[in-house]
N, C-alpha and C. Protein backbone atom coordinates (compact mmCIF):
# COMPACT_ATOMS: atom_id res chain seq x y z
N MET A 1 -24.82 -62.48 13.73
CA MET A 1 -23.59 -61.91 13.23
C MET A 1 -23.76 -61.52 11.76
N ALA A 2 -23.32 -60.36 11.41
CA ALA A 2 -23.45 -59.87 10.04
C ALA A 2 -22.52 -60.64 9.10
N ASN A 3 -22.94 -60.77 7.88
CA ASN A 3 -22.15 -61.43 6.85
C ASN A 3 -20.97 -60.52 6.49
N PRO A 4 -19.74 -61.04 6.47
CA PRO A 4 -18.59 -60.20 6.15
C PRO A 4 -18.48 -59.85 4.67
N LEU A 5 -19.22 -60.53 3.81
CA LEU A 5 -19.15 -60.24 2.37
C LEU A 5 -19.88 -58.96 2.05
N ARG A 6 -19.29 -58.13 1.23
CA ARG A 6 -19.90 -56.89 0.79
C ARG A 6 -19.69 -56.77 -0.71
N TYR A 7 -20.63 -56.20 -1.38
CA TYR A 7 -20.53 -56.03 -2.82
C TYR A 7 -20.42 -54.54 -3.11
N LEU A 8 -21.45 -53.91 -3.51
CA LEU A 8 -21.47 -52.47 -3.71
C LEU A 8 -22.43 -51.89 -2.68
N LYS A 9 -22.00 -50.94 -1.91
CA LYS A 9 -22.83 -50.41 -0.83
C LYS A 9 -23.97 -49.54 -1.34
N HIS A 10 -25.11 -49.68 -0.69
CA HIS A 10 -26.28 -48.82 -0.88
C HIS A 10 -26.88 -48.87 -2.28
N VAL A 11 -26.81 -49.99 -2.97
CA VAL A 11 -27.40 -50.08 -4.30
C VAL A 11 -28.44 -51.19 -4.43
N VAL A 12 -28.61 -51.98 -3.40
CA VAL A 12 -29.49 -53.15 -3.47
C VAL A 12 -30.95 -52.74 -3.62
N THR A 13 -31.68 -53.48 -4.45
CA THR A 13 -33.08 -53.17 -4.73
C THR A 13 -34.06 -53.94 -3.84
N LEU A 14 -33.57 -54.67 -2.87
CA LEU A 14 -34.39 -55.49 -1.98
C LEU A 14 -35.36 -54.64 -1.16
N ALA A 15 -36.63 -55.07 -1.13
CA ALA A 15 -37.65 -54.37 -0.33
C ALA A 15 -38.67 -55.37 0.18
N ILE A 16 -39.23 -55.07 1.35
CA ILE A 16 -40.25 -55.94 1.95
C ILE A 16 -41.53 -55.14 2.15
N ASP A 17 -42.65 -55.73 1.73
CA ASP A 17 -43.97 -55.13 1.94
C ASP A 17 -44.53 -55.70 3.24
N ASP A 18 -44.45 -54.91 4.32
CA ASP A 18 -44.89 -55.38 5.63
C ASP A 18 -46.35 -55.81 5.66
N ALA A 19 -47.17 -55.19 4.84
CA ALA A 19 -48.60 -55.53 4.82
C ALA A 19 -48.83 -56.95 4.29
N ARG A 20 -47.97 -57.42 3.40
CA ARG A 20 -48.12 -58.76 2.83
C ARG A 20 -47.37 -59.83 3.63
N CYS A 21 -46.33 -59.43 4.35
CA CYS A 21 -45.49 -60.39 5.06
C CYS A 21 -46.22 -61.00 6.24
N THR A 22 -46.13 -62.35 6.34
CA THR A 22 -46.74 -63.06 7.47
C THR A 22 -45.69 -63.56 8.45
N GLY A 23 -44.42 -63.36 8.14
CA GLY A 23 -43.36 -63.81 9.02
C GLY A 23 -43.11 -65.30 8.95
N CYS A 24 -43.45 -65.94 7.83
CA CYS A 24 -43.30 -67.39 7.71
C CYS A 24 -41.84 -67.85 7.77
N GLY A 25 -40.91 -66.98 7.40
CA GLY A 25 -39.49 -67.31 7.47
C GLY A 25 -38.90 -67.97 6.25
N GLN A 26 -39.71 -68.21 5.24
CA GLN A 26 -39.20 -68.87 4.03
C GLN A 26 -38.06 -68.06 3.41
N CYS A 27 -38.17 -66.75 3.39
CA CYS A 27 -37.13 -65.91 2.81
C CYS A 27 -35.81 -66.06 3.56
N ARG A 28 -35.89 -66.12 4.85
CA ARG A 28 -34.69 -66.28 5.69
C ARG A 28 -34.02 -67.62 5.42
N GLU A 29 -34.83 -68.65 5.21
CA GLU A 29 -34.29 -69.99 4.96
C GLU A 29 -33.53 -70.09 3.65
N VAL A 30 -33.99 -69.39 2.62
CA VAL A 30 -33.38 -69.54 1.29
C VAL A 30 -32.29 -68.52 1.00
N CYS A 31 -32.15 -67.50 1.81
CA CYS A 31 -31.14 -66.46 1.56
C CYS A 31 -29.75 -67.02 1.82
N PRO A 32 -28.88 -67.02 0.79
CA PRO A 32 -27.55 -67.61 0.96
C PRO A 32 -26.59 -66.77 1.81
N HIS A 33 -26.93 -65.52 2.07
CA HIS A 33 -26.01 -64.65 2.81
C HIS A 33 -26.57 -64.12 4.12
N GLY A 34 -27.66 -64.66 4.58
CA GLY A 34 -28.21 -64.25 5.87
C GLY A 34 -28.63 -62.79 5.92
N VAL A 35 -29.14 -62.29 4.82
CA VAL A 35 -29.55 -60.89 4.73
C VAL A 35 -30.82 -60.63 5.53
N LEU A 36 -31.69 -61.63 5.60
CA LEU A 36 -33.00 -61.45 6.21
C LEU A 36 -33.11 -62.12 7.57
N SER A 37 -33.94 -61.56 8.41
CA SER A 37 -34.24 -62.14 9.72
C SER A 37 -35.74 -61.98 9.96
N ILE A 38 -36.23 -62.58 11.02
CA ILE A 38 -37.62 -62.40 11.41
C ILE A 38 -37.60 -61.60 12.72
N CYS A 39 -38.29 -60.49 12.70
CA CYS A 39 -38.31 -59.60 13.86
C CYS A 39 -39.76 -59.16 14.10
N ASN A 40 -40.23 -59.37 15.32
CA ASN A 40 -41.61 -59.01 15.66
C ASN A 40 -42.63 -59.62 14.71
N GLY A 41 -42.39 -60.87 14.30
CA GLY A 41 -43.33 -61.59 13.46
C GLY A 41 -43.35 -61.19 12.00
N LYS A 42 -42.33 -60.47 11.54
CA LYS A 42 -42.25 -60.04 10.14
C LYS A 42 -40.82 -60.21 9.65
N ALA A 43 -40.67 -60.36 8.34
CA ALA A 43 -39.33 -60.39 7.75
C ALA A 43 -38.71 -59.01 7.90
N ASP A 44 -37.40 -59.01 8.11
CA ASP A 44 -36.67 -57.76 8.31
C ASP A 44 -35.34 -57.87 7.57
N ILE A 45 -34.89 -56.77 7.01
CA ILE A 45 -33.61 -56.75 6.33
C ILE A 45 -32.54 -56.48 7.38
N ALA A 46 -31.78 -57.53 7.71
CA ALA A 46 -30.79 -57.43 8.77
C ALA A 46 -29.45 -56.91 8.27
N ASP A 47 -29.13 -57.15 6.99
CA ASP A 47 -27.81 -56.79 6.46
C ASP A 47 -27.92 -56.49 4.97
N LEU A 48 -28.47 -55.35 4.63
CA LEU A 48 -28.78 -55.00 3.24
C LEU A 48 -27.57 -55.10 2.32
N ASP A 49 -26.43 -54.60 2.74
CA ASP A 49 -25.26 -54.59 1.86
C ASP A 49 -24.65 -55.96 1.62
N ALA A 50 -25.13 -56.99 2.32
CA ALA A 50 -24.68 -58.36 2.06
C ALA A 50 -25.51 -59.02 0.96
N CYS A 51 -26.60 -58.38 0.54
CA CYS A 51 -27.47 -58.93 -0.49
C CYS A 51 -26.78 -58.89 -1.85
N MET A 52 -26.82 -60.02 -2.56
CA MET A 52 -26.24 -60.08 -3.90
C MET A 52 -27.33 -60.10 -4.97
N GLU A 53 -28.56 -59.83 -4.57
CA GLU A 53 -29.70 -59.74 -5.48
C GLU A 53 -29.91 -61.00 -6.30
N CYS A 54 -29.75 -62.15 -5.67
CA CYS A 54 -29.95 -63.42 -6.39
C CYS A 54 -31.43 -63.68 -6.67
N GLY A 55 -32.32 -63.12 -5.84
CA GLY A 55 -33.75 -63.27 -6.04
C GLY A 55 -34.37 -64.47 -5.36
N ALA A 56 -33.59 -65.25 -4.62
CA ALA A 56 -34.13 -66.45 -3.97
C ALA A 56 -35.26 -66.09 -3.00
N CYS A 57 -35.10 -65.03 -2.24
CA CYS A 57 -36.13 -64.64 -1.27
C CYS A 57 -37.44 -64.27 -1.96
N SER A 58 -37.33 -63.50 -3.01
CA SER A 58 -38.51 -63.05 -3.74
C SER A 58 -39.23 -64.22 -4.41
N ARG A 59 -38.49 -65.08 -5.05
CA ARG A 59 -39.09 -66.22 -5.76
C ARG A 59 -39.73 -67.22 -4.80
N ASN A 60 -39.25 -67.27 -3.57
CA ASN A 60 -39.76 -68.25 -2.62
C ASN A 60 -40.76 -67.69 -1.62
N CYS A 61 -41.07 -66.42 -1.69
CA CYS A 61 -42.04 -65.83 -0.77
C CYS A 61 -43.46 -66.19 -1.24
N PRO A 62 -44.19 -66.99 -0.46
CA PRO A 62 -45.53 -67.40 -0.89
C PRO A 62 -46.55 -66.27 -0.86
N PHE A 63 -46.20 -65.14 -0.27
CA PHE A 63 -47.14 -64.03 -0.14
C PHE A 63 -46.75 -62.82 -0.99
N GLU A 64 -45.71 -62.99 -1.83
CA GLU A 64 -45.23 -61.92 -2.71
C GLU A 64 -44.94 -60.65 -1.93
N ALA A 65 -44.35 -60.80 -0.75
CA ALA A 65 -44.05 -59.66 0.10
C ALA A 65 -42.66 -59.07 -0.15
N ILE A 66 -41.84 -59.78 -0.91
CA ILE A 66 -40.46 -59.34 -1.13
C ILE A 66 -40.24 -59.07 -2.61
N THR A 67 -39.61 -57.94 -2.88
CA THR A 67 -39.24 -57.60 -4.25
C THR A 67 -37.74 -57.35 -4.31
N VAL A 68 -37.14 -57.76 -5.38
CA VAL A 68 -35.74 -57.50 -5.66
C VAL A 68 -35.54 -57.67 -7.16
N SER A 69 -34.81 -56.77 -7.75
CA SER A 69 -34.53 -56.88 -9.18
C SER A 69 -33.32 -57.78 -9.34
N ALA A 70 -33.58 -59.07 -9.39
CA ALA A 70 -32.51 -60.07 -9.44
C ALA A 70 -31.63 -59.88 -10.66
N GLY A 71 -30.33 -59.84 -10.39
CA GLY A 71 -29.35 -59.79 -11.47
C GLY A 71 -29.08 -58.43 -12.06
N VAL A 72 -29.65 -57.37 -11.54
CA VAL A 72 -29.42 -56.07 -12.15
C VAL A 72 -28.47 -55.19 -11.38
N GLY A 73 -28.14 -55.58 -10.18
CA GLY A 73 -27.30 -54.71 -9.36
C GLY A 73 -25.99 -55.36 -8.98
N CYS A 74 -25.83 -55.57 -7.71
CA CYS A 74 -24.56 -56.04 -7.16
C CYS A 74 -24.06 -57.33 -7.77
N ALA A 75 -24.92 -58.33 -7.87
CA ALA A 75 -24.46 -59.63 -8.37
C ALA A 75 -23.90 -59.51 -9.78
N THR A 76 -24.58 -58.77 -10.63
CA THR A 76 -24.12 -58.60 -12.00
C THR A 76 -22.78 -57.87 -12.02
N ALA A 77 -22.65 -56.84 -11.22
CA ALA A 77 -21.40 -56.08 -11.17
C ALA A 77 -20.24 -56.94 -10.68
N VAL A 78 -20.48 -57.74 -9.65
CA VAL A 78 -19.44 -58.60 -9.10
C VAL A 78 -19.01 -59.64 -10.14
N ILE A 79 -19.98 -60.27 -10.78
CA ILE A 79 -19.66 -61.29 -11.79
C ILE A 79 -18.89 -60.67 -12.95
N ARG A 80 -19.33 -59.51 -13.42
CA ARG A 80 -18.64 -58.85 -14.54
C ARG A 80 -17.21 -58.50 -14.14
N GLY A 81 -17.01 -58.00 -12.94
CA GLY A 81 -15.67 -57.68 -12.47
C GLY A 81 -14.79 -58.92 -12.39
N PHE A 82 -15.35 -60.00 -11.86
CA PHE A 82 -14.61 -61.26 -11.76
C PHE A 82 -14.18 -61.76 -13.13
N LEU A 83 -15.11 -61.73 -14.08
CA LEU A 83 -14.80 -62.22 -15.42
C LEU A 83 -13.73 -61.38 -16.11
N ARG A 84 -13.70 -60.10 -15.77
CA ARG A 84 -12.71 -59.20 -16.37
C ARG A 84 -11.44 -59.11 -15.53
N GLY A 85 -11.43 -59.81 -14.39
CA GLY A 85 -10.24 -59.80 -13.54
C GLY A 85 -10.04 -58.53 -12.76
N GLY A 86 -11.13 -57.85 -12.44
CA GLY A 86 -11.01 -56.59 -11.70
C GLY A 86 -12.07 -56.44 -10.64
N PRO A 87 -12.28 -55.23 -10.17
CA PRO A 87 -13.28 -54.96 -9.13
C PRO A 87 -14.70 -55.01 -9.71
N PRO A 88 -15.73 -55.00 -8.86
CA PRO A 88 -17.10 -54.96 -9.36
C PRO A 88 -17.30 -53.82 -10.36
N ASP A 89 -18.01 -54.11 -11.44
CA ASP A 89 -18.15 -53.14 -12.52
C ASP A 89 -19.52 -53.30 -13.18
N CYS A 90 -20.32 -52.24 -13.15
CA CYS A 90 -21.62 -52.33 -13.81
C CYS A 90 -21.56 -51.81 -15.24
N SER A 91 -20.37 -51.46 -15.71
CA SER A 91 -20.14 -51.04 -17.10
C SER A 91 -20.95 -49.84 -17.54
N CYS A 92 -21.14 -48.93 -16.64
CA CYS A 92 -21.78 -47.67 -17.02
C CYS A 92 -21.28 -46.58 -16.10
N SER A 93 -21.50 -45.36 -16.46
CA SER A 93 -21.08 -44.26 -15.60
C SER A 93 -22.25 -43.82 -14.74
N SER A 94 -21.96 -43.25 -13.59
CA SER A 94 -23.02 -42.87 -12.65
C SER A 94 -23.94 -41.80 -13.22
N ASP A 95 -23.50 -41.04 -14.20
CA ASP A 95 -24.38 -40.02 -14.77
C ASP A 95 -25.44 -40.62 -15.69
N GLN A 96 -25.34 -41.93 -15.96
CA GLN A 96 -26.35 -42.61 -16.77
C GLN A 96 -27.42 -43.26 -15.91
N GLY A 97 -27.33 -43.06 -14.59
CA GLY A 97 -28.33 -43.64 -13.71
C GLY A 97 -28.24 -45.15 -13.59
N CYS A 98 -27.03 -45.66 -13.58
CA CYS A 98 -26.86 -47.11 -13.57
C CYS A 98 -27.01 -47.70 -12.19
N CYS A 99 -26.75 -48.99 -12.11
CA CYS A 99 -26.93 -49.75 -10.88
C CYS A 99 -26.02 -49.31 -9.77
N CYS A 100 -24.86 -48.77 -10.06
CA CYS A 100 -23.92 -48.40 -9.00
C CYS A 100 -23.47 -46.99 -9.19
């Protein structure tokens, strides 16, 4: 079942290098939102828009098969919005090439 939480759609930096992935499942175990699954013996992104870019999967992958720019996208925007009492906000305009 997909995670009902959503942050900002289509901005997540999460990526998996299939050549490095062994399907150990460590990334799936540490992901707080169930973003990752194991499919055909490899890690797979099951729910990209549920990723908050915390970086747990990347930091815990023993084969360096996962990359994510932790804290630069959705999670930062959500936290900034919460602190300001509003919606997710990356504090830049889209013409500046920002996170959202």
